Amino acid sequence: MKVLLIKDVYKLGRAGDIKKVADGYGRNFLCRKVLQCLLQKGL
């Protein structure tokens, strides 16, 4: 899945970056920390 970061994430990217991450990492870590605003497989 691709995520749009709204905050800097250590070893992943800076705010505004679009990064490809594993589905589990995106759902379990990033969603819980509210660090991204958009999750889409076809971003």
PDB file of N, CA and C in Angstrom:
ATOM      1  N   MET A   1       0.834  -1.169   0.000  1.00  0.00           N
ATOM      2  CA  MET A   1       0.000   0.000   0.000  1.00  0.00           C
ATOM      3  C   MET A   1       0.876   1.227   0.000  1.00  0.00           C
ATOM      4  N   LYS A   2       0.333   2.314  -0.488  1.00  0.00           N
ATOM      5  CA  LYS A   2       1.055   3.583  -0.480  1.00  0.00           C
ATOM      6  C   LYS A   2       0.414   4.492   0.552  1.00  0.00           C
ATOM      7  N   VAL A   3       1.257   5.251   1.245  1.00  0.00           N
ATOM      8  CA  VAL A   3       0.762   6.169   2.266  1.00  0.00           C
ATOM      9  C   VAL A   3       1.303   7.565   2.001  1.00  0.00           C
ATOM     10  N   LEU A   4       0.505   8.545   2.341  1.00  0.00           N
ATOM     11  CA  LEU A   4       0.921   9.940   2.284  1.00  0.00           C
ATOM     12  C   LEU A   4       1.192  10.369   3.711  1.00  0.00           C
ATOM     13  N   LEU A   5       2.457  10.662   4.017  1.00  0.00           N
ATOM     14  CA  LEU A   5       2.843  11.010   5.386  1.00  0.00           C
ATOM     15  C   LEU A   5       2.460  12.453   5.694  1.00  0.00           C
ATOM     16  N   ILE A   6       1.865  12.665   6.858  1.00  0.00           N
ATOM     17  CA  ILE A   6       1.539  14.029   7.273  1.00  0.00           C
ATOM     18  C   ILE A   6       2.467  14.499   8.380  1.00  0.00           C
ATOM     19  N   LYS A   7       3.363  13.613   8.829  1.00  0.00           N
ATOM     20  CA  LYS A   7       4.414  13.951   9.786  1.00  0.00           C
ATOM     21  C   LYS A   7       5.669  13.196   9.382  1.00  0.00           C
ATOM     22  N   ASP A   8       6.831  13.659   9.825  1.00  0.00           N
ATOM     23  CA  ASP A   8       8.073  12.930   9.593  1.00  0.00           C
ATOM     24  C   ASP A   8       8.033  11.613  10.351  1.00  0.00           C
ATOM     25  N   VAL A   9       8.497  10.540   9.702  1.00  0.00           N
ATOM     26  CA  VAL A   9       8.568   9.218  10.323  1.00  0.00           C
ATOM     27  C   VAL A   9      10.013   8.752  10.217  1.00  0.00           C
ATOM     28  N   TYR A  10      10.629   8.456  11.361  1.00  0.00           N
ATOM     29  CA  TYR A  10      12.022   8.035  11.418  1.00  0.00           C
ATOM     30  C   TYR A  10      12.256   6.835  10.511  1.00  0.00           C
ATOM     31  N   LYS A  11      13.250   6.908   9.657  1.00  0.00           N
ATOM     32  CA  LYS A  11      13.661   5.864   8.718  1.00  0.00           C
ATOM     33  C   LYS A  11      12.619   5.538   7.649  1.00  0.00           C
ATOM     34  N   LEU A  12      11.595   6.389   7.499  1.00  0.00           N
ATOM     35  CA  LEU A  12      10.599   6.147   6.453  1.00  0.00           C
ATOM     36  C   LEU A  12      10.505   7.335   5.502  1.00  0.00           C
ATOM     37  N   GLY A  13      10.315   8.524   6.031  1.00  0.00           N
ATOM     38  CA  GLY A  13      10.209   9.682   5.155  1.00  0.00           C
ATOM     39  C   GLY A  13       9.798  10.932   5.896  1.00  0.00           C
ATOM     40  N   ARG A  14       9.660  11.989   5.129  1.00  0.00           N
ATOM     41  CA  ARG A  14       9.293  13.290   5.688  1.00  0.00           C
ATOM     42  C   ARG A  14       7.840  13.597   5.354  1.00  0.00           C
ATOM     43  N   ALA A  15       7.292  14.554   6.054  1.00  0.00           N
ATOM     44  CA  ALA A  15       5.914  14.975   5.805  1.00  0.00           C
ATOM     45  C   ALA A  15       5.744  15.349   4.335  1.00  0.00           C
ATOM     46  N   GLY A  16       4.669  14.872   3.732  1.00  0.00           N
ATOM     47  CA  GLY A  16       4.403  15.144   2.325  1.00  0.00           C
ATOM     48  C   GLY A  16       4.888  14.067   1.379  1.00  0.00           C
ATOM     49  N   ASP A  17       5.740  13.158   1.858  1.00  0.00           N
ATOM     50  CA  ASP A  17       6.236  12.068   1.022  1.00  0.00           C
ATOM     51  C   ASP A  17       5.157  11.005   0.831  1.00  0.00           C
ATOM     52  N   ILE A  18       5.164  10.384  -0.334  1.00  0.00           N
ATOM     53  CA  ILE A  18       4.324   9.215  -0.586  1.00  0.00           C
ATOM     54  C   ILE A  18       5.259   8.021  -0.596  1.00  0.00           C
ATOM     55  N   LYS A  19       5.014   7.063   0.288  1.00  0.00           N
ATOM     56  CA  LYS A  19       5.890   5.902   0.433  1.00  0.00           C
ATOM     57  C   LYS A  19       5.101   4.616   0.296  1.00  0.00           C
ATOM     58  N   LYS A  20       5.744   3.606  -0.264  1.00  0.00           N
ATOM     59  CA  LYS A  20       5.140   2.284  -0.345  1.00  0.00           C
ATOM     60  C   LYS A  20       5.556   1.505   0.893  1.00  0.00           C
ATOM     61  N   VAL A  21       4.581   0.984   1.629  1.00  0.00           N
ATOM     62  CA  VAL A  21       4.850   0.219   2.843  1.00  0.00           C
ATOM     63  C   VAL A  21       4.037  -1.068   2.802  1.00  0.00           C
ATOM     64  N   ALA A  22       4.433  -2.021   3.624  1.00  0.00           N
ATOM     65  CA  ALA A  22       3.688  -3.269   3.737  1.00  0.00           C
ATOM     66  C   ALA A  22       2.293  -2.972   4.284  1.00  0.00           C
ATOM     67  N   ASP A  23       1.310  -3.751   3.850  1.00  0.00           N
ATOM     68  CA  ASP A  23      -0.065  -3.538   4.295  1.00  0.00           C
ATOM     69  C   ASP A  23      -0.185  -3.549   5.813  1.00  0.00           C
ATOM     70  N   GLY A  24       0.434  -4.515   6.467  1.00  0.00           N
ATOM     71  CA  GLY A  24       0.357  -4.626   7.921  1.00  0.00           C
ATOM     72  C   GLY A  24       0.989  -3.441   8.624  1.00  0.00           C
ATOM     73  N   TYR A  25       2.118  -2.974   8.128  1.00  0.00           N
ATOM     74  CA  TYR A  25       2.794  -1.819   8.729  1.00  0.00           C
ATOM     75  C   TYR A  25       1.922  -0.573   8.590  1.00  0.00           C
ATOM     76  N   GLY A  26       1.332  -0.398   7.441  1.00  0.00           N
ATOM     77  CA  GLY A  26       0.472   0.760   7.212  1.00  0.00           C
ATOM     78  C   GLY A  26      -0.745   0.759   8.114  1.00  0.00           C
ATOM     79  N   ARG A  27      -1.408  -0.394   8.205  1.00  0.00           N
ATOM     80  CA  ARG A  27      -2.616  -0.483   9.033  1.00  0.00           C
ATOM     81  C   ARG A  27      -2.302  -0.476  10.512  1.00  0.00           C
ATOM     82  N   ASN A  28      -1.350  -1.288  10.938  1.00  0.00           N
ATOM     83  CA  ASN A  28      -1.112  -1.488  12.367  1.00  0.00           C
ATOM     84  C   ASN A  28      -0.288  -0.392  13.021  1.00  0.00           C
ATOM     85  N   PHE A  29       0.729   0.112  12.360  1.00  0.00           N
ATOM     86  CA  PHE A  29       1.582   1.128  12.980  1.00  0.00           C
ATOM     87  C   PHE A  29       1.168   2.541  12.591  1.00  0.00           C
ATOM     88  N   LEU A  30       1.127   2.810  11.299  1.00  0.00           N
ATOM     89  CA  LEU A  30       0.868   4.181  10.857  1.00  0.00           C
ATOM     90  C   LEU A  30      -0.554   4.632  11.174  1.00  0.00           C
ATOM     91  N   CYS A  31      -1.535   3.763  10.982  1.00  0.00           N
ATOM     92  CA  CYS A  31      -2.920   4.156  11.291  1.00  0.00           C
ATOM     93  C   CYS A  31      -3.095   4.420  12.776  1.00  0.00           C
ATOM     94  N   ARG A  32      -2.496   3.612  13.603  1.00  0.00           N
ATOM     95  CA  ARG A  32      -2.639   3.791  15.048  1.00  0.00           C
ATOM     96  C   ARG A  32      -1.941   5.059  15.522  1.00  0.00           C
ATOM     97  N   LYS A  33      -0.863   5.432  14.881  1.00  0.00           N
ATOM     98  CA  LYS A  33      -0.126   6.633  15.267  1.00  0.00           C
ATOM     99  C   LYS A  33      -0.671   7.879  14.566  1.00  0.00           C
ATOM    100  N   VAL A  34      -1.616   7.705  13.663  1.00  0.00           N
ATOM    101  CA  VAL A  34      -2.232   8.799  12.899  1.00  0.00           C
ATOM    102  C   VAL A  34      -1.165   9.643  12.196  1.00  0.00           C
ATOM    103  N   LEU A  35      -0.261   8.966  11.510  1.00  0.00           N
ATOM    104  CA  LEU A  35       0.816   9.662  10.816  1.00  0.00           C
ATOM    105  C   LEU A  35       0.543   9.826   9.326  1.00  0.00           C
ATOM    106  N   GLN A  36      -0.519   9.250   8.841  1.00  0.00           N
ATOM    107  CA  GLN A  36      -0.835   9.407   7.435  1.00  0.00           C
ATOM    108  C   GLN A  36      -2.293   9.790   7.302  1.00  0.00           C
ATOM    109  N   CYS A  37      -2.632  10.434   6.229  1.00  0.00           N
ATOM    110  CA  CYS A  37      -4.016  10.850   6.043  1.00  0.00           C
ATOM    111  C   CYS A  37      -4.675  10.105   4.890  1.00  0.00           C
ATOM    112  N   LEU A  38      -3.916   9.379   4.097  1.00  0.00           N
ATOM    113  CA  LEU A  38      -4.498   8.722   2.942  1.00  0.00           C
ATOM    114  C   LEU A  38      -3.862   7.351   2.751  1.00  0.00           C
ATOM    115  N   LEU A  39      -4.684   6.323   2.749  1.00  0.00           N
ATOM    116  CA  LEU A  39      -4.226   4.966   2.477  1.00  0.00           C
ATOM    117  C   LEU A  39      -4.995   4.453   1.267  1.00  0.00           C
ATOM    118  N   GLN A  40      -4.276   4.143   0.212  1.00  0.00           N
ATOM    119  CA  GLN A  40      -4.917   3.587  -0.960  1.00  0.00           C
ATOM    120  C   GLN A  40      -3.948   2.656  -1.652  1.00  0.00           C
ATOM    121  N   LYS A  41      -4.472   1.575  -2.181  1.00  0.00           N
ATOM    122  CA  LYS A  41      -3.624   0.670  -2.939  1.00  0.00           C
ATOM    123  C   LYS A  41      -3.336   1.232  -4.323  1.00  0.00           C
ATOM    124  N   GLY A  42      -4.188   2.096  -4.835  1.00  0.00           N
ATOM    125  CA  GLY A  42      -3.997   2.647  -6.178  1.00  0.00           C
ATOM    126  C   GLY A  42      -3.610   4.115  -6.178  1.00  0.00           C
ATOM    127  N   LEU A  43      -2.940   4.583  -5.160  1.00  0.00           N
ATOM    128  CA  LEU A  43      -2.574   5.996  -5.037  1.00  0.00           C
ATOM    129  C   LEU A  43      -1.650   6.431  -6.150  1.00  0.00           C
TER     130      LEU A  43
END
